[in-house]
PDB file of N, CA and C in Angstrom:
ATOM      1  N   UNK A   1       5.117 -11.507 -37.479  1.00  0.00           N
ATOM      2  CA  UNK A   1       5.136 -11.788 -38.844  1.00  0.00           C
ATOM      3  C   UNK A   1       4.798 -10.348 -39.582  1.00  0.00           C
ATOM      4  N   UNK A   2       4.563  -9.587 -38.753  1.00  0.00           N
ATOM      5  CA  UNK A   2       4.080  -7.956 -39.513  1.00  0.00           C
ATOM      6  C   UNK A   2       5.717  -7.248 -39.793  1.00  0.00           C
ATOM      7  N   UNK A   3       6.342  -7.675 -38.654  1.00  0.00           N
ATOM      8  CA  UNK A   3       7.650  -6.920 -38.833  1.00  0.00           C
ATOM      9  C   UNK A   3       8.325  -7.687 -40.011  1.00  0.00           C
ATOM     10  N   UNK A   4       8.652  -8.366 -40.272  1.00  0.00           N
ATOM     11  CA  UNK A   4       9.087  -9.330 -41.328  1.00  0.00           C
ATOM     12  C   UNK A   4       8.393  -8.499 -42.292  1.00  0.00           C
ATOM     13  N   UNK A   5       7.262  -8.481 -42.974  1.00  0.00           N
ATOM     14  CA  UNK A   5       6.775  -7.936 -43.728  1.00  0.00           C
ATOM     15  C   UNK A   5       7.099  -6.548 -43.963  1.00  0.00           C
ATOM     16  N   UNK A   6       7.349  -5.697 -43.051  1.00  0.00           N
ATOM     17  CA  UNK A   6       7.922  -4.246 -43.078  1.00  0.00           C
ATOM     18  C   UNK A   6       8.984  -3.930 -43.223  1.00  0.00           C
ATOM     19  N   UNK A   7       9.981  -5.084 -42.898  1.00  0.00           N
ATOM     20  CA  UNK A   7      11.299  -5.263 -43.211  1.00  0.00           C
ATOM     21  C   UNK A   7      11.516  -5.194 -44.507  1.00  0.00           C
ATOM     22  N   UNK A   8      11.042  -5.976 -45.307  1.00  0.00           N
ATOM     23  CA  UNK A   8      10.950  -6.540 -46.246  1.00  0.00           C
ATOM     24  C   UNK A   8      10.532  -5.323 -47.401  1.00  0.00           C
ATOM     25  N   UNK A   9       9.620  -4.816 -46.954  1.00  0.00           N
ATOM     26  CA  UNK A   9       8.941  -3.879 -47.826  1.00  0.00           C
ATOM     27  C   UNK A   9      10.114  -2.499 -47.892  1.00  0.00           C
ATOM     28  N   UNK A  10      10.755  -2.046 -46.818  1.00  0.00           N
ATOM     29  CA  UNK A  10      11.631  -1.122 -46.604  1.00  0.00           C
ATOM     30  C   UNK A  10      12.410  -1.508 -47.379  1.00  0.00           C
ATOM     31  N   UNK A  11      13.394  -2.824 -47.227  1.00  0.00           N
ATOM     32  CA  UNK A  11      14.017  -3.265 -48.252  1.00  0.00           C
ATOM     33  C   UNK A  11      13.928  -2.950 -49.650  1.00  0.00           C
ATOM     34  N   UNK A  12      12.840  -3.591 -49.914  1.00  0.00           N
ATOM     35  CA  UNK A  12      12.890  -3.441 -51.705  1.00  0.00           C
ATOM     36  C   UNK A  12      12.407  -1.865 -51.646  1.00  0.00           C
ATOM     37  N   UNK A  13      11.727  -1.205 -51.258  1.00  0.00           N
ATOM     38  CA  UNK A  13      11.948   0.387 -51.294  1.00  0.00           C
ATOM     39  C   UNK A  13      13.148   0.881 -51.379  1.00  0.00           C
ATOM     40  N   UNK A  14      14.149   0.344 -50.289  1.00  0.00           N
ATOM     41  CA  UNK A  14      15.465   1.194 -50.512  1.00  0.00           C
ATOM     42  C   UNK A  14      15.941   0.759 -51.724  1.00  0.00           C
ATOM     43  N   UNK A  15      16.086  -0.391 -52.122  1.00  0.00           N
ATOM     44  CA  UNK A  15      16.460  -1.104 -53.640  1.00  0.00           C
ATOM     45  C   UNK A  15      16.101  -0.440 -54.830  1.00  0.00           C
ATOM     46  N   UNK A  16      14.899  -0.215 -54.660  1.00  0.00           N
ATOM     47  CA  UNK A  16      14.211   0.604 -55.707  1.00  0.00           C
ATOM     48  C   UNK A  16      14.476   2.031 -55.998  1.00  0.00           C
ATOM     49  N   UNK A  17      15.296   2.832 -54.832  1.00  0.00           N
ATOM     50  CA  UNK A  17      15.047   4.007 -54.888  1.00  0.00           C
ATOM     51  C   UNK A  17      16.306   4.228 -55.041  1.00  0.00           C
ATOM     52  N   UNK A  18      17.594   3.215 -54.837  1.00  0.00           N
ATOM     53  CA  UNK A  18      18.888   3.066 -55.727  1.00  0.00           C
ATOM     54  C   UNK A  18      18.896   3.217 -56.924  1.00  0.00           C
ATOM     55  N   UNK A  19      18.093   1.967 -57.524  1.00  0.00           N
ATOM     56  CA  UNK A  19      18.139   1.590 -59.144  1.00  0.00           C
ATOM     57  C   UNK A  19      17.627   3.180 -59.496  1.00  0.00           C
ATOM     58  N   UNK A  20      16.700   3.567 -59.204  1.00  0.00           N
ATOM     59  CA  UNK A  20      15.925   4.681 -59.952  1.00  0.00           C
ATOM     60  C   UNK A  20      17.099   5.831 -59.865  1.00  0.00           C
ATOM     61  N   UNK A  21      17.785   5.981 -58.644  1.00  0.00           N
ATOM     62  CA  UNK A  21      18.865   7.298 -58.632  1.00  0.00           C
ATOM     63  C   UNK A  21      20.026   6.806 -59.652  1.00  0.00           C
ATOM     64  N   UNK A  22      20.218   5.872 -60.372  1.00  0.00           N
ATOM     65  CA  UNK A  22      21.246   5.942 -61.492  1.00  0.00           C
ATOM     66  C   UNK A  22      20.327   6.251 -62.527  1.00  0.00           C
ATOM     67  N   UNK A  23      19.416   6.578 -63.092  1.00  0.00           N
ATOM     68  CA  UNK A  23      19.022   7.015 -63.977  1.00  0.00           C
ATOM     69  C   UNK A  23      19.300   8.760 -64.002  1.00  0.00           C
ATOM     70  N   UNK A  24      19.740   9.356 -62.959  1.00  0.00           N
ATOM     71  CA  UNK A  24      19.921  10.854 -63.059  1.00  0.00           C
ATOM     72  C   UNK A  24      21.719  10.728 -63.195  1.00  0.00           C
ATOM     73  N   UNK A  25      22.418   9.763 -63.633  1.00  0.00           N
ATOM     74  CA  UNK A  25      23.537   9.916 -63.731  1.00  0.00           C
ATOM     75  C   UNK A  25      23.531  10.197 -65.490  1.00  0.00           C
ATOM     76  N   UNK A  26      22.934  10.035 -66.141  1.00  0.00           N
ATOM     77  CA  UNK A  26      22.963  10.276 -67.800  1.00  0.00           C
ATOM     78  C   UNK A  26      21.703  11.417 -67.657  1.00  0.00           C
ATOM     79  N   UNK A  27      20.765  11.577 -67.119  1.00  0.00           N
ATOM     80  CA  UNK A  27      19.533  12.563 -67.438  1.00  0.00           C
ATOM     81  C   UNK A  27      20.290  13.828 -67.465  1.00  0.00           C
ATOM     82  N   UNK A  28      19.304  14.592 -68.255  1.00  0.00           N
ATOM     83  CA  UNK A  28      19.489  16.049 -68.546  1.00  0.00           C
ATOM     84  C   UNK A  28      18.621  16.528 -67.465  1.00  0.00           C
ATOM     85  N   UNK A  29      19.303  18.203 -67.350  1.00  0.00           N
ATOM     86  CA  UNK A  29      18.787  18.452 -66.048  1.00  0.00           C
ATOM     87  C   UNK A  29      17.582  19.556 -66.483  1.00  0.00           C
ATOM     88  N   UNK A  30      17.376  19.316 -67.825  1.00  0.00           N
ATOM     89  CA  UNK A  30      15.524  20.080 -68.543  1.00  0.00           C
ATOM     90  C   UNK A  30      15.076  19.115 -68.541  1.00  0.00           C
ATOM     91  N   UNK A  31      13.263  19.683 -68.682  1.00  0.00           N
ATOM     92  CA  UNK A  31      12.436  19.077 -68.847  1.00  0.00           C
ATOM     93  C   UNK A  31      12.164  18.235 -70.044  1.00  0.00           C
ATOM     94  N   UNK A  32      11.310  17.385 -70.439  1.00  0.00           N
ATOM     95  CA  UNK A  32      11.265  17.022 -71.680  1.00  0.00           C
ATOM     96  C   UNK A  32      10.003  17.632 -72.118  1.00  0.00           C
ATOM     97  N   UNK A  33       9.905  17.415 -73.774  1.00  0.00           N
ATOM     98  CA  UNK A  33       8.576  17.772 -73.988  1.00  0.00           C
ATOM     99  C   UNK A  33       7.414  17.014 -73.542  1.00  0.00           C
ATOM    100  N   UNK A  34       6.229  17.613 -73.884  1.00  0.00           N
ATOM    101  CA  UNK A  34       5.285  16.570 -73.105  1.00  0.00           C
ATOM    102  C   UNK A  34       5.075  16.351 -74.508  1.00  0.00           C
ATOM    103  N   UNK A  35       3.869  14.801 -74.143  1.00  0.00           N
ATOM    104  CA  UNK A  35       3.191  14.217 -75.599  1.00  0.00           C
ATOM    105  C   UNK A  35       2.045  14.803 -75.769  1.00  0.00           C
ATOM    106  N   UNK A  36       1.459  14.542 -77.359  1.00  0.00           N
ATOM    107  CA  UNK A  36       0.449  15.656 -77.329  1.00  0.00           C
ATOM    108  C   UNK A  36      -1.053  15.151 -76.792  1.00  0.00           C
ATOM    109  N   UNK A  37      -1.297  16.115 -76.269  1.00  0.00           N
ATOM    110  CA  UNK A  37      -2.706  15.857 -75.284  1.00  0.00           C
ATOM    111  C   UNK A  37      -2.510  16.018 -73.894  1.00  0.00           C
ATOM    112  N   UNK A  38      -1.073  16.073 -73.273  1.00  0.00           N
ATOM    113  CA  UNK A  38      -0.852  16.004 -71.947  1.00  0.00           C
ATOM    114  C   UNK A  38      -0.961  17.316 -71.221  1.00  0.00           C
ATOM    115  N   UNK A  39      -1.520  17.726 -70.203  1.00  0.00           N
ATOM    116  CA  UNK A  39      -1.451  18.894 -69.837  1.00  0.00           C
ATOM    117  C   UNK A  39      -1.541  18.760 -68.293  1.00  0.00           C
ATOM    118  N   UNK A  40      -0.610  18.485 -67.290  1.00  0.00           N
ATOM    119  CA  UNK A  40      -0.580  18.333 -66.207  1.00  0.00           C
ATOM    120  C   UNK A  40      -0.164  19.791 -65.680  1.00  0.00           C
ATOM    121  N   UNK A  41      -0.680  19.921 -64.148  1.00  0.00           N
ATOM    122  CA  UNK A  41      -0.763  21.345 -63.575  1.00  0.00           C
ATOM    123  C   UNK A  41       0.275  21.926 -63.509  1.00  0.00           C
ATOM    124  N   UNK A  42       0.628  23.401 -64.080  1.00  0.00           N
ATOM    125  CA  UNK A  42       2.017  24.130 -63.784  1.00  0.00           C
ATOM    126  C   UNK A  42       2.628  24.327 -62.735  1.00  0.00           C
ATOM    127  N   UNK A  43       2.034  24.446 -61.481  1.00  0.00           N
ATOM    128  CA  UNK A  43       2.757  24.015 -60.477  1.00  0.00           C
ATOM    129  C   UNK A  43       3.492  22.564 -60.612  1.00  0.00           C
ATOM    130  N   UNK A  44       2.725  21.479 -60.688  1.00  0.00           N
ATOM    131  CA  UNK A  44       3.255  20.144 -60.156  1.00  0.00           C
ATOM    132  C   UNK A  44       4.634  19.892 -61.445  1.00  0.00           C
ATOM    133  N   UNK A  45       4.525  20.475 -62.484  1.00  0.00           N
ATOM    134  CA  UNK A  45       5.678  20.444 -63.886  1.00  0.00           C
ATOM    135  C   UNK A  45       6.450  21.213 -63.533  1.00  0.00           C
ATOM    136  N   UNK A  46       6.778  22.381 -62.533  1.00  0.00           N
ATOM    137  CA  UNK A  46       7.259  22.984 -62.285  1.00  0.00           C
ATOM    138  C   UNK A  46       8.547  22.695 -61.167  1.00  0.00           C
ATOM    139  N   UNK A  47       7.835  22.187 -60.018  1.00  0.00           N
ATOM    140  CA  UNK A  47       7.934  21.278 -59.261  1.00  0.00           C
ATOM    141  C   UNK A  47       8.749  20.013 -59.507  1.00  0.00           C
ATOM    142  N   UNK A  48       8.431  19.100 -60.455  1.00  0.00           N
ATOM    143  CA  UNK A  48       9.012  17.944 -61.116  1.00  0.00           C
ATOM    144  C   UNK A  48      10.333  18.377 -61.500  1.00  0.00           C
ATOM    145  N   UNK A  49      10.386  19.664 -62.717  1.00  0.00           N
ATOM    146  CA  UNK A  49      11.431  20.410 -63.056  1.00  0.00           C
ATOM    147  C   UNK A  49      12.525  20.506 -62.077  1.00  0.00           C
ATOM    148  N   UNK A  50      11.725  21.158 -61.125  1.00  0.00           N
ATOM    149  CA  UNK A  50      12.910  21.605 -60.333  1.00  0.00           C
ATOM    150  C   UNK A  50      13.546  20.401 -59.338  1.00  0.00           C
ATOM    151  N   UNK A  51      12.842  19.835 -58.998  1.00  0.00           N
ATOM    152  CA  UNK A  51      13.333  18.203 -58.678  1.00  0.00           C
ATOM    153  C   UNK A  51      14.724  17.812 -59.344  1.00  0.00           C
ATOM    154  N   UNK A  52      14.026  17.333 -60.350  1.00  0.00           N
ATOM    155  CA  UNK A  52      15.023  16.847 -61.506  1.00  0.00           C
ATOM    156  C   UNK A  52      16.320  17.482 -61.704  1.00  0.00           C
ATOM    157  N   UNK A  53      16.331  18.649 -61.470  1.00  0.00           N
ATOM    158  CA  UNK A  53      17.429  19.374 -61.726  1.00  0.00           C
ATOM    159  C   UNK A  53      18.177  19.548 -60.394  1.00  0.00           C
ATOM    160  N   UNK A  54      17.772  19.472 -59.476  1.00  0.00           N
ATOM    161  CA  UNK A  54      18.352  19.327 -57.913  1.00  0.00           C
ATOM    162  C   UNK A  54      19.043  17.821 -57.840  1.00  0.00           C
ATOM    163  N   UNK A  55      18.451  16.680 -58.202  1.00  0.00           N
ATOM    164  CA  UNK A  55      18.898  15.899 -58.283  1.00  0.00           C
ATOM    165  C   UNK A  55      20.271  15.549 -59.155  1.00  0.00           C
ATOM    166  N   UNK A  56      19.721  15.821 -60.669  1.00  0.00           N
ATOM    167  CA  UNK A  56      21.288  16.195 -61.679  1.00  0.00           C
ATOM    168  C   UNK A  56      22.449  16.782 -60.720  1.00  0.00           C
ATOM    169  N   UNK A  57      21.977  18.214 -60.296  1.00  0.00           N
ATOM    170  CA  UNK A  57      23.443  18.592 -59.964  1.00  0.00           C
ATOM    171  C   UNK A  57      23.903  18.277 -58.358  1.00  0.00           C
ATOM    172  N   UNK A  58      22.923  17.848 -57.908  1.00  0.00           N
ATOM    173  CA  UNK A  58      23.446  17.170 -56.757  1.00  0.00           C
ATOM    174  C   UNK A  58      24.515  15.984 -56.681  1.00  0.00           C
ATOM    175  N   UNK A  59      24.001  15.214 -57.824  1.00  0.00           N
ATOM    176  CA  UNK A  59      24.874  14.092 -58.166  1.00  0.00           C
ATOM    177  C   UNK A  59      26.036  14.358 -59.097  1.00  0.00           C
ATOM    178  N   UNK A  60      26.166  15.649 -59.885  1.00  0.00           N
ATOM    179  CA  UNK A  60      27.392  16.203 -60.674  1.00  0.00           C
ATOM    180  C   UNK A  60      28.276  16.479 -59.648  1.00  0.00           C
ATOM    181  N   UNK A  61      27.990  17.586 -58.717  1.00  0.00           N
ATOM    182  CA  UNK A  61      28.418  18.125 -57.212  1.00  0.00           C
ATOM    183  C   UNK A  61      29.441  16.919 -56.570  1.00  0.00           C
ATOM    184  N   UNK A  62      28.654  15.711 -56.286  1.00  0.00           N
ATOM    185  CA  UNK A  62      29.584  14.796 -55.771  1.00  0.00           C
ATOM    186  C   UNK A  62      30.284  14.418 -56.566  1.00  0.00           C
ATOM    187  N   UNK A  63      29.971  14.063 -57.838  1.00  0.00           N
ATOM    188  CA  UNK A  63      30.999  12.965 -58.804  1.00  0.00           C
ATOM    189  C   UNK A  63      32.308  14.110 -59.006  1.00  0.00           C
ATOM    190  N   UNK A  64      31.965  15.493 -58.719  1.00  0.00           N
ATOM    191  CA  UNK A  64      33.411  16.639 -59.330  1.00  0.00           C
ATOM    192  C   UNK A  64      34.009  16.269 -57.965  1.00  0.00           C
ATOM    193  N   UNK A  65      33.599  16.359 -56.846  1.00  0.00           N
ATOM    194  CA  UNK A  65      34.011  16.185 -55.739  1.00  0.00           C
ATOM    195  C   UNK A  65      35.133  15.172 -55.458  1.00  0.00           C
ATOM    196  N   UNK A  66      34.977  14.293 -56.420  1.00  0.00           N
ATOM    197  CA  UNK A  66      35.871  12.707 -55.962  1.00  0.00           C
ATOM    198  C   UNK A  66      34.768  11.808 -55.020  1.00  0.00           C
ATOM    199  N   UNK A  67      33.964  11.967 -54.757  1.00  0.00           N
ATOM    200  CA  UNK A  67      32.902  11.126 -54.367  1.00  0.00           C
ATOM    201  C   UNK A  67      32.810   9.525 -55.184  1.00  0.00           C
ATOM    202  N   UNK A  68      33.282   8.594 -54.396  1.00  0.00           N
ATOM    203  CA  UNK A  68      32.769   7.017 -55.177  1.00  0.00           C
ATOM    204  C   UNK A  68      31.468   7.464 -55.901  1.00  0.00           C
ATOM    205  N   UNK A  69      31.245   6.646 -56.944  1.00  0.00           N
ATOM    206  CA  UNK A  69      30.184   6.402 -57.748  1.00  0.00           C
ATOM    207  C   UNK A  69      28.875   5.792 -57.254  1.00  0.00           C
ATOM    208  N   UNK A  70      29.364   4.832 -56.462  1.00  0.00           N
ATOM    209  CA  UNK A  70      28.468   4.157 -55.442  1.00  0.00           C
ATOM    210  C   UNK A  70      27.674   5.067 -54.268  1.00  0.00           C
ATOM    211  N   UNK A  71      28.607   5.711 -53.705  1.00  0.00           N
ATOM    212  CA  UNK A  71      28.515   6.663 -52.503  1.00  0.00           C
ATOM    213  C   UNK A  71      27.148   7.875 -53.345  1.00  0.00           C
ATOM    214  N   UNK A  72      27.804   8.318 -54.288  1.00  0.00           N
ATOM    215  CA  UNK A  72      27.030   9.796 -54.893  1.00  0.00           C
ATOM    216  C   UNK A  72      25.560   8.706 -55.095  1.00  0.00           C
ATOM    217  N   UNK A  73      25.521   7.857 -55.492  1.00  0.00           N
ATOM    218  CA  UNK A  73      24.457   7.080 -56.015  1.00  0.00           C
ATOM    219  C   UNK A  73      23.247   7.227 -54.841  1.00  0.00           C
ATOM    220  N   UNK A  74      23.873   6.963 -53.675  1.00  0.00           N
ATOM    221  CA  UNK A  74      22.994   6.388 -52.356  1.00  0.00           C
ATOM    222  C   UNK A  74      22.308   7.811 -51.933  1.00  0.00           C
ATOM    223  N   UNK A  75      23.496   8.491 -52.029  1.00  0.00           N
ATOM    224  CA  UNK A  75      23.357  10.041 -51.885  1.00  0.00           C
ATOM    225  C   UNK A  75      21.670  10.558 -52.509  1.00  0.00           C
ATOM    226  N   UNK A  76      21.626  10.422 -53.727  1.00  0.00           N
ATOM    227  CA  UNK A  76      21.099  10.883 -54.926  1.00  0.00           C
ATOM    228  C   UNK A  76      19.551   9.849 -54.205  1.00  0.00           C
ATOM    229  N   UNK A  77      19.572   9.119 -53.984  1.00  0.00           N
ATOM    230  CA  UNK A  77      18.770   7.966 -53.971  1.00  0.00           C
ATOM    231  C   UNK A  77      18.129   8.248 -52.320  1.00  0.00           C
ATOM    232  N   UNK A  78      18.840   9.002 -51.483  1.00  0.00           N
ATOM    233  CA  UNK A  78      18.448   9.600 -50.325  1.00  0.00           C
ATOM    234  C   UNK A  78      17.689  11.269 -50.893  1.00  0.00           C
ATOM    235  N   UNK A  79      18.262  11.773 -51.685  1.00  0.00           N
ATOM    236  CA  UNK A  79      17.654  13.160 -52.265  1.00  0.00           C
ATOM    237  C   UNK A  79      16.376  12.946 -52.653  1.00  0.00           C
ATOM    238  N   UNK A  80      16.224  11.524 -53.467  1.00  0.00           N
ATOM    239  CA  UNK A  80      15.070  11.461 -54.117  1.00  0.00           C
ATOM    240  C   UNK A  80      14.072  10.889 -53.213  1.00  0.00           C
ATOM    241  N   UNK A  81      14.421  10.084 -52.186  1.00  0.00           N
ATOM    242  CA  UNK A  81      13.159   9.612 -51.106  1.00  0.00           C
ATOM    243  C   UNK A  81      12.523  11.327 -50.804  1.00  0.00           C
ATOM    244  N   UNK A  82      13.566  12.006 -50.280  1.00  0.00           N
ATOM    245  CA  UNK A  82      12.969  13.119 -49.600  1.00  0.00           C
ATOM    246  C   UNK A  82      11.730  13.904 -50.811  1.00  0.00           C
ATOM    247  N   UNK A  83      12.216  13.846 -52.169  1.00  0.00           N
ATOM    248  CA  UNK A  83      11.498  14.789 -52.997  1.00  0.00           C
ATOM    249  C   UNK A  83      10.376  14.317 -53.049  1.00  0.00           C
ATOM    250  N   UNK A  84      10.284  12.645 -53.019  1.00  0.00           N
ATOM    251  CA  UNK A  84       9.068  11.893 -52.967  1.00  0.00           C
ATOM    252  C   UNK A  84       8.131  12.264 -51.731  1.00  0.00           C
ATOM    253  N   UNK A  85       8.916  12.471 -50.384  1.00  0.00           N
ATOM    254  CA  UNK A  85       7.804  12.542 -49.005  1.00  0.00           C
ATOM    255  C   UNK A  85       7.297  14.012 -49.580  1.00  0.00           C
ATOM    256  N   UNK A  86       7.945  14.879 -50.168  1.00  0.00           N
ATOM    257  CA  UNK A  86       7.496  16.195 -49.921  1.00  0.00           C
ATOM    258  C   UNK A  86       6.491  16.185 -51.063  1.00  0.00           C
ATOM    259  N   UNK A  87       6.508  15.301 -52.116  1.00  0.00           N
ATOM    260  CA  UNK A  87       5.207  15.621 -53.346  1.00  0.00           C
ATOM    261  C   UNK A  87       4.178  14.610 -52.628  1.00  0.00           C
ATOM    262  N   UNK A  88       4.539  13.807 -51.774  1.00  0.00           N
ATOM    263  CA  UNK A  88       3.291  13.059 -50.989  1.00  0.00           C
ATOM    264  C   UNK A  88       2.543  14.105 -50.244  1.00  0.00           C
ATOM    265  N   UNK A  89       3.451  15.060 -49.060  1.00  0.00           N
ATOM    266  CA  UNK A  89       2.817  15.742 -48.681  1.00  0.00           C
ATOM    267  C   UNK A  89       1.798  16.807 -49.400  1.00  0.00           C
ATOM    268  N   UNK A  90       2.522  17.689 -50.388  1.00  0.00           N
ATOM    269  CA  UNK A  90       1.617  18.332 -51.341  1.00  0.00           C
ATOM    270  C   UNK A  90       0.542  17.849 -51.457  1.00  0.00           C
ATOM    271  N   UNK A  91       0.439  16.270 -51.660  1.00  0.00           N
ATOM    272  CA  UNK A  91      -0.928  15.785 -52.481  1.00  0.00           C
ATOM    273  C   UNK A  91      -1.800  15.891 -51.507  1.00  0.00           C
ATOM    274  N   UNK A  92      -1.207  15.289 -50.050  1.00  0.00           N
ATOM    275  CA  UNK A  92      -2.226  15.307 -48.948  1.00  0.00           C
ATOM    276  C   UNK A  92      -2.581  16.848 -48.639  1.00  0.00           C
ATOM    277  N   UNK A  93      -2.040  17.811 -49.247  1.00  0.00           N
ATOM    278  CA  UNK A  93      -2.745  19.294 -48.253  1.00  0.00           C
ATOM    279  C   UNK A  93      -3.450  19.857 -49.658  1.00  0.00           C
ATOM    280  N   UNK A  94      -3.640  19.304 -50.888  1.00  0.00           N
ATOM    281  CA  UNK A  94      -4.405  19.759 -51.834  1.00  0.00           C
ATOM    282  C   UNK A  94      -5.660  19.035 -51.527  1.00  0.00           C
TER     283      UNK A  94
END
Protein backbone atom coordinates (compact mmCIF):
# COMPACT_ATOMS: atom_id res chain seq x y z
CA UNK A 1 0.00 0.00 0.00
CA UNK A 2 2.88 2.40 0.79
CA UNK A 3 4.41 1.80 -2.65
CA UNK A 4 1.16 2.86 -4.33
CA UNK A 5 1.16 6.12 -2.34
CA UNK A 6 4.78 6.81 -3.32
CA UNK A 7 4.07 6.15 -7.01
CA UNK A 8 1.01 8.39 -6.95
CA UNK A 9 3.02 11.13 -5.26
CA UNK A 10 5.82 10.89 -7.84
CA UNK A 11 3.30 10.91 -10.69
CA UNK A 12 1.65 14.01 -9.27
CA UNK A 13 5.04 15.67 -8.80
CA UNK A 14 6.10 14.90 -12.38
CA UNK A 15 2.83 16.30 -13.78
CA UNK A 16 3.18 19.42 -11.63
CA UNK A 17 6.74 20.03 -12.81
CA UNK A 18 5.77 19.60 -16.46
CA UNK A 19 2.84 22.00 -16.03
CA UNK A 20 5.11 24.53 -14.29
CA UNK A 21 7.67 24.24 -17.10
CA UNK A 22 5.12 25.58 -19.61
CA UNK A 23 5.39 28.91 -17.76
CA UNK A 24 8.92 29.37 -19.08
CA UNK A 25 7.64 29.47 -22.68
CA UNK A 26 6.46 33.07 -22.26
CA UNK A 27 8.52 34.06 -19.23
CA UNK A 28 11.04 36.85 -19.54
CA UNK A 29 14.58 36.14 -18.42
CA UNK A 30 14.81 39.09 -16.07
CA UNK A 31 13.35 39.35 -12.57
CA UNK A 32 10.19 41.31 -11.85
CA UNK A 33 10.05 44.24 -9.47
CA UNK A 34 9.20 43.35 -5.90
CA UNK A 35 5.97 44.37 -4.23
CA UNK A 36 6.20 47.16 -1.69
CA UNK A 37 7.53 45.92 1.64
CA UNK A 38 9.16 42.74 0.30
CA UNK A 39 12.84 42.32 1.08
CA UNK A 40 14.10 38.77 0.40
CA UNK A 41 17.67 37.73 0.99
CA UNK A 42 19.95 39.10 -1.75
CA UNK A 43 21.56 35.70 -2.29
CA UNK A 44 18.20 33.98 -2.65
CA UNK A 45 16.98 36.64 -5.07
CA UNK A 46 20.15 36.37 -7.15
CA UNK A 47 19.90 32.56 -7.19
CA UNK A 48 16.23 32.72 -8.24
CA UNK A 49 16.97 35.18 -11.07
CA UNK A 50 19.86 33.02 -12.25
CA UNK A 51 17.63 29.93 -12.23
CA UNK A 52 14.83 31.60 -14.19
CA UNK A 53 17.33 32.94 -16.73
CA UNK A 54 18.84 29.47 -17.15
CA UNK A 55 15.44 27.81 -17.65
CA UNK A 56 14.34 30.41 -20.21
CA UNK A 57 17.63 30.22 -22.14
CA UNK A 58 17.63 26.41 -22.07
CA UNK A 59 14.09 26.22 -23.46
CA UNK A 60 14.84 28.81 -26.16
CA UNK A 61 18.00 26.93 -27.19
CA UNK A 62 16.12 23.64 -27.47
CA UNK A 63 13.35 25.19 -29.54
CA UNK A 64 15.89 26.98 -31.76
CA UNK A 65 17.57 23.61 -32.39
CA UNK A 66 14.25 22.27 -33.66
CA UNK A 67 13.39 20.06 -30.70
CA UNK A 68 9.65 19.33 -30.46
CA UNK A 69 7.89 21.65 -28.00
CA UNK A 70 6.78 18.86 -25.67
CA UNK A 71 10.29 17.43 -25.45
CA UNK A 72 11.68 20.89 -24.74
CA UNK A 73 9.07 21.29 -22.02
CA UNK A 74 9.97 17.99 -20.34
CA UNK A 75 13.67 18.93 -20.49
CA UNK A 76 12.79 22.26 -18.87
CA UNK A 77 10.81 20.41 -16.20
CA UNK A 78 13.86 18.25 -15.46
CA UNK A 79 16.06 21.35 -15.13
CA UNK A 80 13.43 22.87 -12.85
CA UNK A 81 13.45 19.75 -10.66
CA UNK A 82 17.24 19.93 -10.36
CA UNK A 83 17.04 23.61 -9.48
CA UNK A 84 14.40 22.98 -6.79
CA UNK A 85 16.60 20.18 -5.40
CA UNK A 86 19.57 22.57 -5.22
CA UNK A 87 17.48 25.19 -3.43
CA UNK A 88 16.39 22.53 -0.92
CA UNK A 89 19.98 21.56 -0.26
CA UNK A 90 20.92 25.22 0.23
CA UNK A 91 18.08 25.59 2.74
CA UNK A 92 19.22 22.50 4.67
CA UNK A 93 22.77 23.84 4.93
CA UNK A 94 21.62 27.25 6.17
